[in-house]
Amino acid sequence: MEQQFKTNIKCGGCITTVTPFLNAVVGEHSWKVDTAVPEKVLTISNGAVTADKVIEAVKQAGFKAEQF
């Protein structure tokens, strides 16, 4: 089950910053950020991870996320 979050991850540099945090919590290749849409949607494809853990990982990287 996919989860989606509205974020303030705006660009490739931001994605580079957040990558180690999300990889540690969600796993590599289990997430993506669509920076082309205004909501900057983070999609998590690992259904075993809670929304709180995803939000905390994004926060630790210096960004914000809220679940849709």
C-alpha atoms as a PDB file:
ATOM      1  CA  MET A   1       0.000   0.000   0.000  1.00  0.00           C
ATOM      2  CA  GLU A   2       1.431   3.350  -1.029  1.00  0.00           C
ATOM      3  CA  GLN A   3       1.465   6.373   1.238  1.00  0.00           C
ATOM      4  CA  GLN A   4       1.724   9.929  -0.045  1.00  0.00           C
ATOM      5  CA  PHE A   5       2.981  13.044   1.690  1.00  0.00           C
ATOM      6  CA  LYS A   6       3.024  16.737   0.814  1.00  0.00           C
ATOM      7  CA  THR A   7       6.578  18.037   1.304  1.00  0.00           C
ATOM      8  CA  ASN A   8       8.820  21.050   0.808  1.00  0.00           C
ATOM      9  CA  ILE A   9      11.471  18.967  -1.012  1.00  0.00           C
ATOM     10  CA  LYS A  10      11.873  21.221  -4.062  1.00  0.00           C
ATOM     11  CA  CYS A  11      14.858  20.113  -6.133  1.00  0.00           C
ATOM     12  CA  GLY A  12      17.491  17.507  -6.864  1.00  0.00           C
ATOM     13  CA  GLY A  13      19.762  18.945  -4.173  1.00  0.00           C
ATOM     14  CA  CYS A  14      16.970  18.567  -1.626  1.00  0.00           C
ATOM     15  CA  ILE A  15      16.446  14.957  -2.722  1.00  0.00           C
ATOM     16  CA  THR A  16      20.167  14.293  -2.287  1.00  0.00           C
ATOM     17  CA  THR A  17      19.972  15.676   1.260  1.00  0.00           C
ATOM     18  CA  VAL A  18      16.951  13.582   2.258  1.00  0.00           C
ATOM     19  CA  THR A  19      18.092  10.357   0.532  1.00  0.00           C
ATOM     20  CA  PRO A  20      20.172   8.830   3.383  1.00  0.00           C
ATOM     21  CA  PHE A  21      17.410   9.556   5.909  1.00  0.00           C
ATOM     22  CA  LEU A  22      14.638   7.997   3.819  1.00  0.00           C
ATOM     23  CA  ASN A  23      16.796   5.071   2.683  1.00  0.00           C
ATOM     24  CA  ALA A  24      17.525   4.250   6.340  1.00  0.00           C
ATOM     25  CA  VAL A  25      13.831   4.236   7.311  1.00  0.00           C
ATOM     26  CA  VAL A  26      12.005   3.181   4.147  1.00  0.00           C
ATOM     27  CA  GLY A  27      14.681   1.404   2.116  1.00  0.00           C
ATOM     28  CA  GLU A  28      16.333   2.203  -1.191  1.00  0.00           C
ATOM     29  CA  HIS A  29      14.033   2.228  -4.219  1.00  0.00           C
ATOM     30  CA  SER A  30      10.969   2.337  -1.933  1.00  0.00           C
ATOM     31  CA  TRP A  31      10.281   6.055  -2.275  1.00  0.00           C
ATOM     32  CA  LYS A  32      10.234   8.898  -4.783  1.00  0.00           C
ATOM     33  CA  VAL A  33       9.532  12.635  -4.790  1.00  0.00           C
ATOM     34  CA  ASP A  34       7.641  14.316  -7.615  1.00  0.00           C
ATOM     35  CA  THR A  35       9.100  17.833  -7.643  1.00  0.00           C
ATOM     36  CA  ALA A  36       7.119  18.764 -10.778  1.00  0.00           C
ATOM     37  CA  VAL A  37       3.829  19.162  -8.877  1.00  0.00           C
ATOM     38  CA  PRO A  38       3.103  22.048  -6.463  1.00  0.00           C
ATOM     39  CA  GLU A  39       2.636  19.677  -3.494  1.00  0.00           C
ATOM     40  CA  LYS A  40       6.115  18.104  -4.037  1.00  0.00           C
ATOM     41  CA  VAL A  41       4.604  14.664  -3.413  1.00  0.00           C
ATOM     42  CA  LEU A  42       6.671  12.034  -1.625  1.00  0.00           C
ATOM     43  CA  THR A  43       5.382   8.538  -2.405  1.00  0.00           C
ATOM     44  CA  ILE A  44       6.374   5.622  -0.164  1.00  0.00           C
ATOM     45  CA  SER A  45       5.868   2.137  -1.592  1.00  0.00           C
ATOM     46  CA  ASN A  46       6.979   0.274   1.559  1.00  0.00           C
ATOM     47  CA  GLY A  47       3.698  -0.331   3.386  1.00  0.00           C
ATOM     48  CA  ALA A  48       5.459  -1.660   6.487  1.00  0.00           C
ATOM     49  CA  VAL A  49       6.704   1.810   7.490  1.00  0.00           C
ATOM     50  CA  THR A  50       4.443   4.071   9.536  1.00  0.00           C
ATOM     51  CA  ALA A  51       3.644   7.614   8.441  1.00  0.00           C
ATOM     52  CA  ASP A  52       5.162   8.936  11.685  1.00  0.00           C
ATOM     53  CA  LYS A  53       8.531   7.327  10.873  1.00  0.00           C
ATOM     54  CA  VAL A  54       8.511   8.816   7.365  1.00  0.00           C
ATOM     55  CA  ILE A  55       7.619  12.281   8.669  1.00  0.00           C
ATOM     56  CA  GLU A  56      10.354  12.058  11.315  1.00  0.00           C
ATOM     57  CA  ALA A  57      12.982  10.992   8.749  1.00  0.00           C
ATOM     58  CA  VAL A  58      12.073  13.920   6.491  1.00  0.00           C
ATOM     59  CA  LYS A  59      12.171  16.262   9.509  1.00  0.00           C
ATOM     60  CA  GLN A  60      15.638  15.010  10.508  1.00  0.00           C
ATOM     61  CA  ALA A  61      16.825  15.875   6.992  1.00  0.00           C
ATOM     62  CA  GLY A  62      15.585  19.437   7.507  1.00  0.00           C
ATOM     63  CA  PHE A  63      12.327  19.270   5.543  1.00  0.00           C
ATOM     64  CA  LYS A  64       8.617  19.027   6.266  1.00  0.00           C
ATOM     65  CA  ALA A  65       6.134  16.319   5.294  1.00  0.00           C
ATOM     66  CA  GLU A  66       2.464  15.834   6.006  1.00  0.00           C
ATOM     67  CA  GLN A  67       0.393  12.865   4.967  1.00  0.00           C
ATOM     68  CA  PHE A  68      -2.405  13.370   2.433  1.00  0.00           C
END
